[in-house]
Amino acid sequence: MKVKTLIGILKEHNQEEEVVLSRDPEGNGFSTLEVIASGLYSDGDLYDIKDRDKEEVPKDAERVTVLWP
């Protein structure tokens, strides 16, 4: 999902509500949203933005927005 799509969806909700994240697709636990950050994502792995030029970061890693519980 793109950030602009998420913003559009969130605009339809009460802006005073708390944001809660499911821990897995089955809903086996929930946590409040605590941090929004940027990262580099490739093939299921997340890397720090400042490490973009390091060898261990794949060249195809794309910048993403990460929501942390």
N, C-alpha and C. Protein backbone atom coordinates (compact mmCIF):
# COMPACT_ATOMS: atom_id res chain seq x y z
N MET A 1 0.85 -1.17 0.00
CA MET A 1 0.00 0.00 0.00
C MET A 1 0.90 1.24 0.00
N LYS A 2 0.55 2.19 -0.79
CA LYS A 2 1.30 3.45 -0.86
C LYS A 2 0.83 4.38 0.26
N VAL A 3 1.71 5.29 0.67
CA VAL A 3 1.39 6.25 1.73
C VAL A 3 0.15 7.06 1.36
N LYS A 4 0.04 7.48 0.10
CA LYS A 4 -1.11 8.30 -0.31
C LYS A 4 -2.42 7.52 -0.16
N THR A 5 -2.39 6.21 -0.39
CA THR A 5 -3.59 5.39 -0.20
C THR A 5 -3.95 5.31 1.27
N LEU A 6 -2.94 5.10 2.12
CA LEU A 6 -3.17 5.04 3.57
C LEU A 6 -3.74 6.36 4.08
N ILE A 7 -3.19 7.48 3.61
CA ILE A 7 -3.69 8.79 4.03
C ILE A 7 -5.16 8.93 3.65
N GLY A 8 -5.51 8.52 2.43
CA GLY A 8 -6.91 8.61 2.00
C GLY A 8 -7.84 7.79 2.88
N ILE A 9 -7.41 6.59 3.24
CA ILE A 9 -8.22 5.73 4.11
C ILE A 9 -8.35 6.36 5.50
N LEU A 10 -7.23 6.84 6.03
CA LEU A 10 -7.25 7.42 7.38
C LEU A 10 -8.10 8.69 7.46
N LYS A 11 -8.21 9.42 6.37
CA LYS A 11 -9.04 10.62 6.34
C LYS A 11 -10.51 10.29 6.60
N GLU A 12 -10.92 9.05 6.34
CA GLU A 12 -12.31 8.63 6.55
C GLU A 12 -12.58 8.25 8.00
N HIS A 13 -11.55 8.24 8.84
CA HIS A 13 -11.69 7.83 10.24
C HIS A 13 -11.62 9.03 11.17
N ASN A 14 -12.13 8.86 12.37
CA ASN A 14 -12.08 9.89 13.40
C ASN A 14 -10.62 10.13 13.76
N GLN A 15 -10.16 11.36 13.61
CA GLN A 15 -8.76 11.69 13.85
C GLN A 15 -8.37 11.64 15.32
N GLU A 16 -9.33 11.46 16.22
CA GLU A 16 -9.04 11.35 17.65
C GLU A 16 -8.87 9.89 18.10
N GLU A 17 -9.12 8.94 17.21
CA GLU A 17 -8.98 7.53 17.57
C GLU A 17 -7.51 7.11 17.62
N GLU A 18 -7.22 6.17 18.51
CA GLU A 18 -5.88 5.57 18.61
C GLU A 18 -5.68 4.62 17.43
N VAL A 19 -4.46 4.52 16.92
CA VAL A 19 -4.13 3.58 15.86
C VAL A 19 -3.55 2.32 16.50
N VAL A 20 -4.12 1.17 16.15
CA VAL A 20 -3.70 -0.12 16.71
C VAL A 20 -3.28 -1.04 15.56
N LEU A 21 -2.17 -1.74 15.76
CA LEU A 21 -1.65 -2.66 14.74
C LEU A 21 -1.86 -4.10 15.18
N SER A 22 -2.27 -4.95 14.25
CA SER A 22 -2.37 -6.37 14.52
C SER A 22 -0.97 -6.96 14.45
N ARG A 23 -0.65 -7.88 15.33
CA ARG A 23 0.68 -8.51 15.34
C ARG A 23 0.85 -9.52 14.22
N ASP A 24 -0.27 -10.05 13.70
CA ASP A 24 -0.20 -11.00 12.59
C ASP A 24 -1.54 -10.99 11.86
N PRO A 25 -1.62 -11.61 10.68
CA PRO A 25 -2.86 -11.59 9.90
C PRO A 25 -4.05 -12.24 10.60
N GLU A 26 -3.79 -13.13 11.55
CA GLU A 26 -4.88 -13.82 12.24
C GLU A 26 -5.43 -13.02 13.41
N GLY A 27 -4.80 -11.91 13.78
CA GLY A 27 -5.27 -11.11 14.90
C GLY A 27 -4.96 -11.73 16.25
N ASN A 28 -3.78 -12.35 16.37
CA ASN A 28 -3.39 -13.02 17.62
C ASN A 28 -2.75 -12.07 18.62
N GLY A 29 -2.98 -10.81 18.50
CA GLY A 29 -2.47 -9.81 19.42
C GLY A 29 -2.45 -8.45 18.75
N PHE A 30 -2.49 -7.41 19.56
CA PHE A 30 -2.57 -6.05 19.04
C PHE A 30 -1.69 -5.13 19.88
N SER A 31 -1.15 -4.09 19.25
CA SER A 31 -0.36 -3.08 19.93
C SER A 31 -0.68 -1.72 19.32
N THR A 32 -0.55 -0.67 20.13
CA THR A 32 -0.75 0.68 19.59
C THR A 32 0.44 1.06 18.72
N LEU A 33 0.19 1.91 17.74
CA LEU A 33 1.24 2.43 16.88
C LEU A 33 2.10 3.38 17.70
N GLU A 34 3.39 3.15 17.74
CA GLU A 34 4.29 3.97 18.54
C GLU A 34 5.25 4.81 17.71
N VAL A 35 5.72 4.28 16.57
CA VAL A 35 6.75 4.97 15.80
C VAL A 35 6.46 4.84 14.31
N ILE A 36 6.68 5.92 13.58
CA ILE A 36 6.63 5.89 12.12
C ILE A 36 8.02 6.31 11.65
N ALA A 37 8.66 5.48 10.83
CA ALA A 37 10.03 5.74 10.40
C ALA A 37 10.20 5.38 8.93
N SER A 38 11.33 5.77 8.38
CA SER A 38 11.68 5.39 7.01
C SER A 38 12.75 4.31 7.08
N GLY A 39 12.77 3.46 6.07
CA GLY A 39 13.77 2.42 5.99
C GLY A 39 13.96 2.01 4.54
N LEU A 40 14.84 1.04 4.35
CA LEU A 40 15.06 0.45 3.03
C LEU A 40 14.61 -0.99 3.10
N TYR A 41 13.80 -1.42 2.14
CA TYR A 41 13.19 -2.75 2.18
C TYR A 41 13.56 -3.53 0.94
N SER A 42 13.95 -4.80 1.16
CA SER A 42 14.22 -5.71 0.04
C SER A 42 14.01 -7.14 0.50
N ASP A 43 13.15 -7.86 -0.20
CA ASP A 43 12.98 -9.30 -0.01
C ASP A 43 12.75 -9.69 1.46
N GLY A 44 11.87 -8.96 2.15
CA GLY A 44 11.52 -9.30 3.52
C GLY A 44 12.46 -8.76 4.58
N ASP A 45 13.49 -8.04 4.19
CA ASP A 45 14.44 -7.47 5.14
C ASP A 45 14.37 -5.95 5.13
N LEU A 46 14.62 -5.35 6.31
CA LEU A 46 14.61 -3.90 6.46
C LEU A 46 16.00 -3.42 6.85
N TYR A 47 16.43 -2.32 6.22
CA TYR A 47 17.75 -1.75 6.46
C TYR A 47 17.60 -0.28 6.82
N ASP A 48 18.56 0.24 7.57
CA ASP A 48 18.57 1.65 7.96
C ASP A 48 18.88 2.52 6.73
N ILE A 49 18.17 3.64 6.60
CA ILE A 49 18.38 4.57 5.49
C ILE A 49 19.85 4.98 5.39
N LYS A 50 20.47 5.27 6.52
CA LYS A 50 21.85 5.78 6.49
C LYS A 50 22.85 4.72 6.01
N ASP A 51 22.41 3.46 5.88
CA ASP A 51 23.29 2.38 5.42
C ASP A 51 23.16 2.09 3.93
N ARG A 52 22.45 2.95 3.19
CA ARG A 52 22.14 2.70 1.78
C ARG A 52 23.37 2.29 0.96
N ASP A 53 24.51 2.88 1.22
CA ASP A 53 25.70 2.62 0.41
C ASP A 53 26.56 1.46 0.93
N LYS A 54 26.14 0.80 1.97
CA LYS A 54 26.91 -0.32 2.51
C LYS A 54 26.65 -1.58 1.67
N GLU A 55 27.65 -2.43 1.61
CA GLU A 55 27.58 -3.64 0.78
C GLU A 55 26.43 -4.57 1.15
N GLU A 56 26.08 -4.65 2.44
CA GLU A 56 25.05 -5.60 2.86
C GLU A 56 23.62 -5.17 2.45
N VAL A 57 23.47 -3.93 2.00
CA VAL A 57 22.15 -3.46 1.56
C VAL A 57 22.00 -3.75 0.08
N PRO A 58 21.01 -4.57 -0.31
CA PRO A 58 20.82 -4.88 -1.73
C PRO A 58 20.58 -3.62 -2.56
N LYS A 59 21.09 -3.63 -3.76
CA LYS A 59 20.95 -2.46 -4.66
C LYS A 59 19.49 -2.19 -5.01
N ASP A 60 18.63 -3.23 -4.93
CA ASP A 60 17.21 -3.05 -5.27
C ASP A 60 16.36 -2.62 -4.07
N ALA A 61 16.98 -2.39 -2.91
CA ALA A 61 16.22 -1.98 -1.72
C ALA A 61 15.54 -0.66 -1.99
N GLU A 62 14.25 -0.60 -1.67
CA GLU A 62 13.50 0.63 -1.91
C GLU A 62 13.15 1.30 -0.59
N ARG A 63 13.04 2.62 -0.64
CA ARG A 63 12.69 3.40 0.55
C ARG A 63 11.22 3.16 0.87
N VAL A 64 10.95 2.89 2.15
CA VAL A 64 9.59 2.60 2.60
C VAL A 64 9.30 3.34 3.91
N THR A 65 8.03 3.45 4.23
CA THR A 65 7.57 3.97 5.51
C THR A 65 7.24 2.78 6.37
N VAL A 66 7.77 2.75 7.60
CA VAL A 66 7.60 1.63 8.49
C VAL A 66 6.78 2.05 9.71
N LEU A 67 5.75 1.26 10.04
CA LEU A 67 4.92 1.51 11.22
C LEU A 67 5.31 0.50 12.28
N TRP A 68 5.76 0.97 13.44
CA TRP A 68 6.23 0.11 14.52
C TRP A 68 5.26 0.14 15.70
N PRO A 69 4.93 -1.05 16.24
CA PRO A 69 4.09 -1.09 17.46
C PRO A 69 4.93 -0.72 18.68
